[in-house]
Every structure is written in structure tokens, then in C-alpha cells.
ModelCIF file with pLDDT and N, C-alpha, C, O atoms, coordinates in Angstrom:
data_MODEL
#
_entry.id   MODEL 
#
_entity.id                         1 
_entity.type                       polymer 
_entity.pdbx_number_of_molecules   1 
#
_entity_poly.entity_id                      1 
_entity_poly.type                           'polypeptide(L)' 
_entity_poly.nstd_linkage                   no 
_entity_poly.nstd_monomer                   no 
_entity_poly.pdbx_seq_one_letter_code       LEYRRIPGSIIIGVLAVTVAAIAFGLQEFKGVFAPIPSLAPTFMQM 
_entity_poly.pdbx_seq_one_letter_code_can   LEYRRIPGSIIIGVLAVTVAAIAFGLQEFKGVFAPIPSLAPTFMQM 
_entity_poly.pdbx_strand_id                 A 
#
loop_
_entity_poly_seq.entity_id 
_entity_poly_seq.num 
_entity_poly_seq.mon_id 
_entity_poly_seq.hetero 
1 1  LEU n 
1 2  GLU n 
1 3  TYR n 
1 4  ARG n 
1 5  ARG n 
1 6  ILE n 
1 7  PRO n 
1 8  GLY n 
1 9  SER n 
1 10 ILE n 
1 11 ILE n 
1 12 ILE n 
1 13 GLY n 
1 14 VAL n 
1 15 LEU n 
1 16 ALA n 
1 17 VAL n 
1 18 THR n 
1 19 VAL n 
1 20 ALA n 
1 21 ALA n 
1 22 ILE n 
1 23 ALA n 
1 24 PHE n 
1 25 GLY n 
1 26 LEU n 
1 27 GLN n 
1 28 GLU n 
1 29 PHE n 
1 30 LYS n 
1 31 GLY n 
1 32 VAL n 
1 33 PHE n 
1 34 ALA n 
1 35 PRO n 
1 36 ILE n 
1 37 PRO n 
1 38 SER n 
1 39 LEU n 
1 40 ALA n 
1 41 PRO n 
1 42 THR n 
1 43 PHE n 
1 44 MET n 
1 45 GLN n 
1 46 MET n 
#
_struct_asym.id          A 
_struct_asym.entity_id   1 
#
loop_
_ma_qa_metric.id 
_ma_qa_metric.mode 
_ma_qa_metric.name 
_ma_qa_metric.software_group_id 
_ma_qa_metric.type 
1 global pLDDT . pLDDT 
2 local  pLDDT . pLDDT 
#
_ma_qa_metric_global.metric_id      1 
_ma_qa_metric_global.metric_value   89.65 
_ma_qa_metric_global.model_id       1 
_ma_qa_metric_global.ordinal_id     1 
#
loop_
_ma_qa_metric_local.label_asym_id 
_ma_qa_metric_local.label_comp_id 
_ma_qa_metric_local.label_seq_id 
_ma_qa_metric_local.metric_id 
_ma_qa_metric_local.metric_value 
_ma_qa_metric_local.model_id 
_ma_qa_metric_local.ordinal_id 
A LEU 1  2 93.00 1 1  
A GLU 2  2 86.00 1 2  
A TYR 3  2 91.00 1 3  
A ARG 4  2 92.00 1 4  
A ARG 5  2 79.00 1 5  
A ILE 6  2 82.00 1 6  
A PRO 7  2 70.00 1 7  
A GLY 8  2 76.00 1 8  
A SER 9  2 83.00 1 9  
A ILE 10 2 86.00 1 10 
A ILE 11 2 81.00 1 11 
A ILE 12 2 88.00 1 12 
A GLY 13 2 89.00 1 13 
A VAL 14 2 87.00 1 14 
A LEU 15 2 87.00 1 15 
A ALA 16 2 94.00 1 16 
A VAL 17 2 94.00 1 17 
A THR 18 2 91.00 1 18 
A VAL 19 2 93.00 1 19 
A ALA 20 2 96.00 1 20 
A ALA 21 2 96.00 1 21 
A ILE 22 2 95.00 1 22 
A ALA 23 2 96.00 1 23 
A PHE 24 2 95.00 1 24 
A GLY 25 2 95.00 1 25 
A LEU 26 2 95.00 1 26 
A GLN 27 2 92.00 1 27 
A GLU 28 2 91.00 1 28 
A PHE 29 2 91.00 1 29 
A LYS 30 2 84.00 1 30 
A GLY 31 2 84.00 1 31 
A VAL 32 2 81.00 1 32 
A PHE 33 2 84.00 1 33 
A ALA 34 2 85.00 1 34 
A PRO 35 2 88.00 1 35 
A ILE 36 2 90.00 1 36 
A PRO 37 2 88.00 1 37 
A SER 38 2 92.00 1 38 
A LEU 39 2 95.00 1 39 
A ALA 40 2 96.00 1 40 
A PRO 41 2 97.00 1 41 
A THR 42 2 96.00 1 42 
A PHE 43 2 96.00 1 43 
A MET 44 2 95.00 1 44 
A GLN 45 2 95.00 1 45 
A MET 46 2 94.00 1 46 
#
loop_
_atom_site.group_PDB 
_atom_site.id 
_atom_site.type_symbol 
_atom_site.label_atom_id 
_atom_site.label_alt_id 
_atom_site.label_comp_id 
_atom_site.label_asym_id 
_atom_site.label_entity_id 
_atom_site.label_seq_id 
_atom_site.pdbx_PDB_ins_code 
_atom_site.Cartn_x 
_atom_site.Cartn_y 
_atom_site.Cartn_z 
_atom_site.occupancy 
_atom_site.B_iso_or_equiv 
_atom_site.pdbx_formal_charge 
_atom_site.auth_seq_id 
_atom_site.auth_comp_id 
_atom_site.auth_asym_id 
_atom_site.auth_atom_id 
_atom_site.pdbx_PDB_model_num 
ATOM 1   N N  . LEU A 1 1  ? -17.170 -24.951 -30.484 1.00 93.00 ? 1  LEU A N  1 
ATOM 2   C CA . LEU A 1 1  ? -17.625 -25.949 -29.586 1.00 93.00 ? 1  LEU A CA 1 
ATOM 3   C C  . LEU A 1 1  ? -19.205 -26.075 -29.682 1.00 93.00 ? 1  LEU A C  1 
ATOM 4   O O  . LEU A 1 1  ? -19.788 -27.152 -29.809 1.00 93.00 ? 1  LEU A O  1 
ATOM 5   N N  . GLU A 1 2  ? -19.776 -24.927 -29.611 1.00 86.00 ? 2  GLU A N  1 
ATOM 6   C CA . GLU A 1 2  ? -21.286 -24.994 -29.666 1.00 86.00 ? 2  GLU A CA 1 
ATOM 7   C C  . GLU A 1 2  ? -21.838 -25.685 -30.901 1.00 86.00 ? 2  GLU A C  1 
ATOM 8   O O  . GLU A 1 2  ? -22.835 -26.404 -30.832 1.00 86.00 ? 2  GLU A O  1 
ATOM 9   N N  . TYR A 1 3  ? -21.121 -25.439 -32.134 1.00 91.00 ? 3  TYR A N  1 
ATOM 10  C CA . TYR A 1 3  ? -21.643 -26.070 -33.272 1.00 91.00 ? 3  TYR A CA 1 
ATOM 11  C C  . TYR A 1 3  ? -21.518 -27.553 -33.264 1.00 91.00 ? 3  TYR A C  1 
ATOM 12  O O  . TYR A 1 3  ? -22.297 -28.314 -33.838 1.00 91.00 ? 3  TYR A O  1 
ATOM 13  N N  . ARG A 1 4  ? -20.393 -27.930 -32.511 1.00 92.00 ? 4  ARG A N  1 
ATOM 14  C CA . ARG A 1 4  ? -20.237 -29.432 -32.279 1.00 92.00 ? 4  ARG A CA 1 
ATOM 15  C C  . ARG A 1 4  ? -21.053 -30.050 -31.152 1.00 92.00 ? 4  ARG A C  1 
ATOM 16  O O  . ARG A 1 4  ? -20.991 -31.236 -30.829 1.00 92.00 ? 4  ARG A O  1 
ATOM 17  N N  . ARG A 1 5  ? -21.881 -29.056 -30.546 1.00 79.00 ? 5  ARG A N  1 
ATOM 18  C CA . ARG A 1 5  ? -22.748 -29.526 -29.497 1.00 79.00 ? 5  ARG A CA 1 
ATOM 19  C C  . ARG A 1 5  ? -21.986 -30.025 -28.287 1.00 79.00 ? 5  ARG A C  1 
ATOM 20  O O  . ARG A 1 5  ? -22.414 -30.985 -27.647 1.00 79.00 ? 5  ARG A O  1 
ATOM 21  N N  . ILE A 1 6  ? -20.818 -29.370 -27.942 1.00 82.00 ? 6  ILE A N  1 
ATOM 22  C CA . ILE A 1 6  ? -20.106 -29.754 -26.744 1.00 82.00 ? 6  ILE A CA 1 
ATOM 23  C C  . ILE A 1 6  ? -20.693 -29.140 -25.545 1.00 82.00 ? 6  ILE A C  1 
ATOM 24  O O  . ILE A 1 6  ? -20.735 -27.911 -25.503 1.00 82.00 ? 6  ILE A O  1 
ATOM 25  N N  . PRO A 1 7  ? -21.168 -29.856 -24.529 1.00 70.00 ? 7  PRO A N  1 
ATOM 26  C CA . PRO A 1 7  ? -21.774 -29.241 -23.312 1.00 70.00 ? 7  PRO A CA 1 
ATOM 27  C C  . PRO A 1 7  ? -20.802 -28.322 -22.652 1.00 70.00 ? 7  PRO A C  1 
ATOM 28  O O  . PRO A 1 7  ? -19.608 -28.602 -22.546 1.00 70.00 ? 7  PRO A O  1 
ATOM 29  N N  . GLY A 1 8  ? -21.358 -27.182 -22.195 1.00 76.00 ? 8  GLY A N  1 
ATOM 30  C CA . GLY A 1 8  ? -20.557 -26.267 -21.415 1.00 76.00 ? 8  GLY A CA 1 
ATOM 31  C C  . GLY A 1 8  ? -19.518 -25.500 -22.282 1.00 76.00 ? 8  GLY A C  1 
ATOM 32  O O  . GLY A 1 8  ? -18.406 -25.233 -21.828 1.00 76.00 ? 8  GLY A O  1 
ATOM 33  N N  . SER A 1 9  ? -19.894 -25.158 -23.517 1.00 83.00 ? 9  SER A N  1 
ATOM 34  C CA . SER A 1 9  ? -18.971 -24.608 -24.482 1.00 83.00 ? 9  SER A CA 1 
ATOM 35  C C  . SER A 1 9  ? -18.722 -23.183 -23.875 1.00 83.00 ? 9  SER A C  1 
ATOM 36  O O  . SER A 1 9  ? -17.561 -22.776 -23.896 1.00 83.00 ? 9  SER A O  1 
ATOM 37  N N  . ILE A 1 10 ? -19.638 -22.434 -23.371 1.00 86.00 ? 10 ILE A N  1 
ATOM 38  C CA . ILE A 1 10 ? -19.386 -21.020 -22.923 1.00 86.00 ? 10 ILE A CA 1 
ATOM 39  C C  . ILE A 1 10 ? -18.421 -21.032 -21.863 1.00 86.00 ? 10 ILE A C  1 
ATOM 40  O O  . ILE A 1 10 ? -17.417 -20.323 -21.936 1.00 86.00 ? 10 ILE A O  1 
ATOM 41  N N  . ILE A 1 11 ? -18.672 -21.867 -20.771 1.00 81.00 ? 11 ILE A N  1 
ATOM 42  C CA . ILE A 1 11 ? -17.809 -21.891 -19.587 1.00 81.00 ? 11 ILE A CA 1 
ATOM 43  C C  . ILE A 1 11 ? -16.420 -22.339 -19.896 1.00 81.00 ? 11 ILE A C  1 
ATOM 44  O O  . ILE A 1 11 ? -15.430 -21.858 -19.345 1.00 81.00 ? 11 ILE A O  1 
ATOM 45  N N  . ILE A 1 12 ? -16.383 -23.329 -20.847 1.00 88.00 ? 12 ILE A N  1 
ATOM 46  C CA . ILE A 1 12 ? -14.938 -23.722 -21.330 1.00 88.00 ? 12 ILE A CA 1 
ATOM 47  C C  . ILE A 1 12 ? -14.187 -22.545 -21.990 1.00 88.00 ? 12 ILE A C  1 
ATOM 48  O O  . ILE A 1 12 ? -12.987 -22.337 -21.811 1.00 88.00 ? 12 ILE A O  1 
ATOM 49  N N  . GLY A 1 13 ? -14.974 -21.812 -22.749 1.00 89.00 ? 13 GLY A N  1 
ATOM 50  C CA . GLY A 1 13 ? -14.323 -20.778 -23.459 1.00 89.00 ? 13 GLY A CA 1 
ATOM 51  C C  . GLY A 1 13 ? -13.856 -19.691 -22.479 1.00 89.00 ? 13 GLY A C  1 
ATOM 52  O O  . GLY A 1 13 ? -12.784 -19.120 -22.679 1.00 89.00 ? 13 GLY A O  1 
ATOM 53  N N  . VAL A 1 14 ? -14.627 -19.391 -21.432 1.00 87.00 ? 14 VAL A N  1 
ATOM 54  C CA . VAL A 1 14 ? -14.293 -18.323 -20.334 1.00 87.00 ? 14 VAL A CA 1 
ATOM 55  C C  . VAL A 1 14 ? -13.089 -18.789 -19.651 1.00 87.00 ? 14 VAL A C  1 
ATOM 56  O O  . VAL A 1 14 ? -12.145 -18.017 -19.482 1.00 87.00 ? 14 VAL A O  1 
ATOM 57  N N  . LEU A 1 15 ? -13.058 -20.012 -19.244 1.00 87.00 ? 15 LEU A N  1 
ATOM 58  C CA . LEU A 1 15 ? -11.977 -20.653 -18.382 1.00 87.00 ? 15 LEU A CA 1 
ATOM 59  C C  . LEU A 1 15 ? -10.682 -20.797 -19.226 1.00 87.00 ? 15 LEU A C  1 
ATOM 60  O O  . LEU A 1 15 ? -9.578  -20.593 -18.722 1.00 87.00 ? 15 LEU A O  1 
ATOM 61  N N  . ALA A 1 16 ? -10.845 -21.155 -20.523 1.00 94.00 ? 16 ALA A N  1 
ATOM 62  C CA . ALA A 1 16 ? -9.635  -21.192 -21.369 1.00 94.00 ? 16 ALA A CA 1 
ATOM 63  C C  . ALA A 1 16 ? -8.888  -19.912 -21.589 1.00 94.00 ? 16 ALA A C  1 
ATOM 64  O O  . ALA A 1 16 ? -7.658  -19.854 -21.617 1.00 94.00 ? 16 ALA A O  1 
ATOM 65  N N  . VAL A 1 17 ? -9.712  -18.859 -21.749 1.00 94.00 ? 17 VAL A N  1 
ATOM 66  C CA . VAL A 1 17 ? -9.014  -17.595 -21.943 1.00 94.00 ? 17 VAL A CA 1 
ATOM 67  C C  . VAL A 1 17 ? -8.421  -17.148 -20.577 1.00 94.00 ? 17 VAL A C  1 
ATOM 68  O O  . VAL A 1 17 ? -7.342  -16.557 -20.569 1.00 94.00 ? 17 VAL A O  1 
ATOM 69  N N  . THR A 1 18 ? -9.060  -17.397 -19.470 1.00 91.00 ? 18 THR A N  1 
ATOM 70  C CA . THR A 1 18 ? -8.521  -17.079 -18.274 1.00 91.00 ? 18 THR A CA 1 
ATOM 71  C C  . THR A 1 18 ? -7.144  -17.836 -17.899 1.00 91.00 ? 18 THR A C  1 
ATOM 72  O O  . THR A 1 18 ? -6.135  -17.271 -17.477 1.00 91.00 ? 18 THR A O  1 
ATOM 73  N N  . VAL A 1 19 ? -7.280  -19.116 -18.115 1.00 93.00 ? 19 VAL A N  1 
ATOM 74  C CA . VAL A 1 19 ? -5.955  -19.844 -17.910 1.00 93.00 ? 19 VAL A CA 1 
ATOM 75  C C  . VAL A 1 19 ? -4.808  -19.345 -18.840 1.00 93.00 ? 19 VAL A C  1 
ATOM 76  O O  . VAL A 1 19 ? -3.652  -19.245 -18.429 1.00 93.00 ? 19 VAL A O  1 
ATOM 77  N N  . ALA A 1 20 ? -5.159  -19.057 -20.027 1.00 96.00 ? 20 ALA A N  1 
ATOM 78  C CA . ALA A 1 20 ? -4.118  -18.661 -20.978 1.00 96.00 ? 20 ALA A CA 1 
ATOM 79  C C  . ALA A 1 20 ? -3.637  -17.274 -20.636 1.00 96.00 ? 20 ALA A C  1 
ATOM 80  O O  . ALA A 1 20 ? -2.449  -16.988 -20.792 1.00 96.00 ? 20 ALA A O  1 
ATOM 81  N N  . ALA A 1 21 ? -4.557  -16.353 -20.150 1.00 96.00 ? 21 ALA A N  1 
ATOM 82  C CA . ALA A 1 21 ? -4.007  -15.163 -19.699 1.00 96.00 ? 21 ALA A CA 1 
ATOM 83  C C  . ALA A 1 21 ? -2.998  -15.186 -18.400 1.00 96.00 ? 21 ALA A C  1 
ATOM 84  O O  . ALA A 1 21 ? -2.003  -14.470 -18.285 1.00 96.00 ? 21 ALA A O  1 
ATOM 85  N N  . ILE A 1 22 ? -3.432  -16.098 -17.503 1.00 95.00 ? 22 ILE A N  1 
ATOM 86  C CA . ILE A 1 22 ? -2.464  -16.292 -16.409 1.00 95.00 ? 22 ILE A CA 1 
ATOM 87  C C  . ILE A 1 22 ? -1.194  -16.947 -16.776 1.00 95.00 ? 22 ILE A C  1 
ATOM 88  O O  . ILE A 1 22 ? -0.141  -16.651 -16.212 1.00 95.00 ? 22 ILE A O  1 
ATOM 89  N N  . ALA A 1 23 ? -1.272  -17.798 -17.673 1.00 96.00 ? 23 ALA A N  1 
ATOM 90  C CA . ALA A 1 23 ? -0.016  -18.562 -18.231 1.00 96.00 ? 23 ALA A CA 1 
ATOM 91  C C  . ALA A 1 23 ? 0.896   -17.584 -18.893 1.00 96.00 ? 23 ALA A C  1 
ATOM 92  O O  . ALA A 1 23 ? 2.108   -17.651 -18.690 1.00 96.00 ? 23 ALA A O  1 
ATOM 93  N N  . PHE A 1 24 ? 0.333   -16.605 -19.738 1.00 95.00 ? 24 PHE A N  1 
ATOM 94  C CA . PHE A 1 24 ? 1.081   -15.776 -20.489 1.00 95.00 ? 24 PHE A CA 1 
ATOM 95  C C  . PHE A 1 24 ? 1.562   -14.434 -19.665 1.00 95.00 ? 24 PHE A C  1 
ATOM 96  O O  . PHE A 1 24 ? 2.207   -13.524 -20.185 1.00 95.00 ? 24 PHE A O  1 
ATOM 97  N N  . GLY A 1 25 ? 1.155   -14.467 -18.349 1.00 95.00 ? 25 GLY A N  1 
ATOM 98  C CA . GLY A 1 25 ? 1.532   -13.307 -17.540 1.00 95.00 ? 25 GLY A CA 1 
ATOM 99  C C  . GLY A 1 25 ? 0.688   -12.030 -17.821 1.00 95.00 ? 25 GLY A C  1 
ATOM 100 O O  . GLY A 1 25 ? 1.105   -10.923 -17.481 1.00 95.00 ? 25 GLY A O  1 
ATOM 101 N N  . LEU A 1 26 ? -0.497  -12.205 -18.443 1.00 95.00 ? 26 LEU A N  1 
ATOM 102 C CA . LEU A 1 26 ? -1.353  -11.093 -18.688 1.00 95.00 ? 26 LEU A CA 1 
ATOM 103 C C  . LEU A 1 26 ? -2.368  -10.899 -17.596 1.00 95.00 ? 26 LEU A C  1 
ATOM 104 O O  . LEU A 1 26 ? -2.944  -9.812  -17.550 1.00 95.00 ? 26 LEU A O  1 
ATOM 105 N N  . GLN A 1 27 ? -2.638  -11.779 -16.759 1.00 92.00 ? 27 GLN A N  1 
ATOM 106 C CA . GLN A 1 27 ? -3.568  -11.685 -15.633 1.00 92.00 ? 27 GLN A CA 1 
ATOM 107 C C  . GLN A 1 27 ? -2.971  -12.176 -14.380 1.00 92.00 ? 27 GLN A C  1 
ATOM 108 O O  . GLN A 1 27 ? -2.400  -13.265 -14.433 1.00 92.00 ? 27 GLN A O  1 
ATOM 109 N N  . GLU A 1 28 ? -3.010  -11.606 -13.374 1.00 91.00 ? 28 GLU A N  1 
ATOM 110 C CA . GLU A 1 28 ? -2.545  -12.049 -12.045 1.00 91.00 ? 28 GLU A CA 1 
ATOM 111 C C  . GLU A 1 28 ? -3.417  -13.048 -11.421 1.00 91.00 ? 28 GLU A C  1 
ATOM 112 O O  . GLU A 1 28 ? -4.624  -12.824 -11.323 1.00 91.00 ? 28 GLU A O  1 
ATOM 113 N N  . PHE A 1 29 ? -2.876  -14.167 -10.980 1.00 91.00 ? 29 PHE A N  1 
ATOM 114 C CA . PHE A 1 29 ? -3.605  -15.158 -10.257 1.00 91.00 ? 29 PHE A CA 1 
ATOM 115 C C  . PHE A 1 29 ? -3.593  -14.585 -8.768  1.00 91.00 ? 29 PHE A C  1 
ATOM 116 O O  . PHE A 1 29 ? -2.526  -14.376 -8.191  1.00 91.00 ? 29 PHE A O  1 
ATOM 117 N N  . LYS A 1 30 ? -4.780  -14.352 -8.198  1.00 84.00 ? 30 LYS A N  1 
ATOM 118 C CA . LYS A 1 30 ? -4.802  -13.381 -7.022  1.00 84.00 ? 30 LYS A CA 1 
ATOM 119 C C  . LYS A 1 30 ? -5.047  -14.370 -5.839  1.00 84.00 ? 30 LYS A C  1 
ATOM 120 O O  . LYS A 1 30 ? -5.412  -13.870 -4.776  1.00 84.00 ? 30 LYS A O  1 
ATOM 121 N N  . GLY A 1 31 ? -4.894  -15.631 -5.910  1.00 84.00 ? 31 GLY A N  1 
ATOM 122 C CA . GLY A 1 31 ? -5.146  -16.458 -4.744  1.00 84.00 ? 31 GLY A CA 1 
ATOM 123 C C  . GLY A 1 31 ? -6.509  -16.993 -4.775  1.00 84.00 ? 31 GLY A C  1 
ATOM 124 O O  . GLY A 1 31 ? -7.218  -16.958 -5.781  1.00 84.00 ? 31 GLY A O  1 
ATOM 125 N N  . VAL A 1 32 ? -6.899  -17.547 -3.517  1.00 81.00 ? 32 VAL A N  1 
ATOM 126 C CA . VAL A 1 32 ? -8.085  -18.273 -3.441  1.00 81.00 ? 32 VAL A CA 1 
ATOM 127 C C  . VAL A 1 32 ? -9.024  -17.654 -2.273  1.00 81.00 ? 32 VAL A C  1 
ATOM 128 O O  . VAL A 1 32 ? -10.161 -17.236 -2.493  1.00 81.00 ? 32 VAL A O  1 
ATOM 129 N N  . PHE A 1 33 ? -8.462  -17.650 -1.133  1.00 84.00 ? 33 PHE A N  1 
ATOM 130 C CA . PHE A 1 33 ? -9.232  -17.259 0.077   1.00 84.00 ? 33 PHE A CA 1 
ATOM 131 C C  . PHE A 1 33 ? -8.906  -15.857 0.572   1.00 84.00 ? 33 PHE A C  1 
ATOM 132 O O  . PHE A 1 33 ? -7.799  -15.350 0.390   1.00 84.00 ? 33 PHE A O  1 
ATOM 133 N N  . ALA A 1 34 ? -9.922  -15.238 1.214   1.00 85.00 ? 34 ALA A N  1 
ATOM 134 C CA . ALA A 1 34 ? -9.650  -13.907 1.941   1.00 85.00 ? 34 ALA A CA 1 
ATOM 135 C C  . ALA A 1 34 ? -10.676 -13.812 2.917   1.00 85.00 ? 34 ALA A C  1 
ATOM 136 O O  . ALA A 1 34 ? -11.760 -14.351 2.696   1.00 85.00 ? 34 ALA A O  1 
ATOM 137 N N  . PRO A 1 35 ? -10.447 -13.144 4.052   1.00 88.00 ? 35 PRO A N  1 
ATOM 138 C CA . PRO A 1 35 ? -11.431 -12.981 5.154   1.00 88.00 ? 35 PRO A CA 1 
ATOM 139 C C  . PRO A 1 35 ? -12.632 -12.132 4.631   1.00 88.00 ? 35 PRO A C  1 
ATOM 140 O O  . PRO A 1 35 ? -12.445 -11.305 3.739   1.00 88.00 ? 35 PRO A O  1 
ATOM 141 N N  . ILE A 1 36 ? -13.827 -12.329 5.166   1.00 90.00 ? 36 ILE A N  1 
ATOM 142 C CA . ILE A 1 36 ? -15.061 -11.558 4.753   1.00 90.00 ? 36 ILE A CA 1 
ATOM 143 C C  . ILE A 1 36 ? -14.963 -10.273 5.474   1.00 90.00 ? 36 ILE A C  1 
ATOM 144 O O  . ILE A 1 36 ? -14.860 -10.280 6.700   1.00 90.00 ? 36 ILE A O  1 
ATOM 145 N N  . PRO A 1 37 ? -14.987 -9.172  4.804   1.00 88.00 ? 37 PRO A N  1 
ATOM 146 C CA . PRO A 1 37 ? -14.848 -7.852  5.315   1.00 88.00 ? 37 PRO A CA 1 
ATOM 147 C C  . PRO A 1 37 ? -16.158 -7.614  6.188   1.00 88.00 ? 37 PRO A C  1 
ATOM 148 O O  . PRO A 1 37 ? -17.090 -8.412  6.090   1.00 88.00 ? 37 PRO A O  1 
ATOM 149 N N  . SER A 1 38 ? -16.229 -6.536  7.027   1.00 92.00 ? 38 SER A N  1 
ATOM 150 C CA . SER A 1 38 ? -17.326 -6.053  7.736   1.00 92.00 ? 38 SER A CA 1 
ATOM 151 C C  . SER A 1 38 ? -18.349 -5.266  6.922   1.00 92.00 ? 38 SER A C  1 
ATOM 152 O O  . SER A 1 38 ? -17.983 -4.464  6.062   1.00 92.00 ? 38 SER A O  1 
ATOM 153 N N  . LEU A 1 39 ? -19.624 -5.500  7.195   1.00 95.00 ? 39 LEU A N  1 
ATOM 154 C CA . LEU A 1 39 ? -20.631 -4.862  6.449   1.00 95.00 ? 39 LEU A CA 1 
ATOM 155 C C  . LEU A 1 39 ? -21.083 -3.595  7.231   1.00 95.00 ? 39 LEU A C  1 
ATOM 156 O O  . LEU A 1 39 ? -21.902 -2.830  6.723   1.00 95.00 ? 39 LEU A O  1 
ATOM 157 N N  . ALA A 1 40 ? -20.530 -3.357  8.522   1.00 96.00 ? 40 ALA A N  1 
ATOM 158 C CA . ALA A 1 40 ? -20.997 -2.241  9.380   1.00 96.00 ? 40 ALA A CA 1 
ATOM 159 C C  . ALA A 1 40 ? -20.923 -0.918  8.891   1.00 96.00 ? 40 ALA A C  1 
ATOM 160 O O  . ALA A 1 40 ? -21.836 -0.151  9.198   1.00 96.00 ? 40 ALA A O  1 
ATOM 161 N N  . PRO A 1 41 ? -19.924 -0.487  8.128   1.00 97.00 ? 41 PRO A N  1 
ATOM 162 C CA . PRO A 1 41 ? -19.790 0.903   7.558   1.00 97.00 ? 41 PRO A CA 1 
ATOM 163 C C  . PRO A 1 41 ? -20.992 1.370   6.745   1.00 97.00 ? 41 PRO A C  1 
ATOM 164 O O  . PRO A 1 41 ? -21.268 2.570   6.719   1.00 97.00 ? 41 PRO A O  1 
ATOM 165 N N  . THR A 1 42 ? -21.723 0.470   6.076   1.00 96.00 ? 42 THR A N  1 
ATOM 166 C CA . THR A 1 42 ? -22.822 0.719   5.118   1.00 96.00 ? 42 THR A CA 1 
ATOM 167 C C  . THR A 1 42 ? -24.077 0.236   5.614   1.00 96.00 ? 42 THR A C  1 
ATOM 168 O O  . THR A 1 42 ? -25.095 0.651   5.059   1.00 96.00 ? 42 THR A O  1 
ATOM 169 N N  . PHE A 1 43 ? -24.175 -0.581  6.576   1.00 96.00 ? 43 PHE A N  1 
ATOM 170 C CA . PHE A 1 43 ? -25.415 -1.304  6.938   1.00 96.00 ? 43 PHE A CA 1 
ATOM 171 C C  . PHE A 1 43 ? -26.350 -0.327  7.668   1.00 96.00 ? 43 PHE A C  1 
ATOM 172 O O  . PHE A 1 43 ? -25.986 0.353   8.628   1.00 96.00 ? 43 PHE A O  1 
ATOM 173 N N  . MET A 1 44 ? -27.619 -0.312  7.124   1.00 95.00 ? 44 MET A N  1 
ATOM 174 C CA . MET A 1 44 ? -28.658 0.538   7.643   1.00 95.00 ? 44 MET A CA 1 
ATOM 175 C C  . MET A 1 44 ? -28.292 1.953   7.729   1.00 95.00 ? 44 MET A C  1 
ATOM 176 O O  . MET A 1 44 ? -28.669 2.592   8.711   1.00 95.00 ? 44 MET A O  1 
ATOM 177 N N  . GLN A 1 45 ? -27.612 2.504   6.825   1.00 95.00 ? 45 GLN A N  1 
ATOM 178 C CA . GLN A 1 45 ? -27.061 3.932   6.817   1.00 95.00 ? 45 GLN A CA 1 
ATOM 179 C C  . GLN A 1 45 ? -27.986 4.813   6.016   1.00 95.00 ? 45 GLN A C  1 
ATOM 180 O O  . GLN A 1 45 ? -27.650 5.980   5.818   1.00 95.00 ? 45 GLN A O  1 
ATOM 181 N N  . MET A 1 46 ? -29.116 4.351   5.542   1.00 94.00 ? 46 MET A N  1 
ATOM 182 C CA . MET A 1 46 ? -30.040 5.178   4.775   1.00 94.00 ? 46 MET A CA 1 
ATOM 183 C C  . MET A 1 46 ? -30.502 6.535   5.614   1.00 94.00 ? 46 MET A C  1 
ATOM 184 O O  . MET A 1 46 ? -31.282 7.340   5.105   1.00 94.00 ? 46 MET A O  1 
#
């Protein structure tokens, strides 16, 4: 794709492999949203 000067060739390649991996059952699609965890256990603990 880069030789053909297709814009965004790298991101296309990354997403293509990801989609193929999910489609073939090699990678789990883990959803979209999740609550933000608390920072308290490590915040200012130096």
C-alpha cells in the first residue's frame, strides 16, 4: 500500500490484522467501555 502511496497504509495494515484475528477467533473482542479505576492506591506514594 505504501508503494502505491495509499494514505494511512500503516494504520490500515494494523486494523486489517486485528479484524482478521478477531474474525478467525485468534483474538478476543473485549468490548468498548469500562469504568475508570481509582488512582488512589499509588497516588503520591513516593
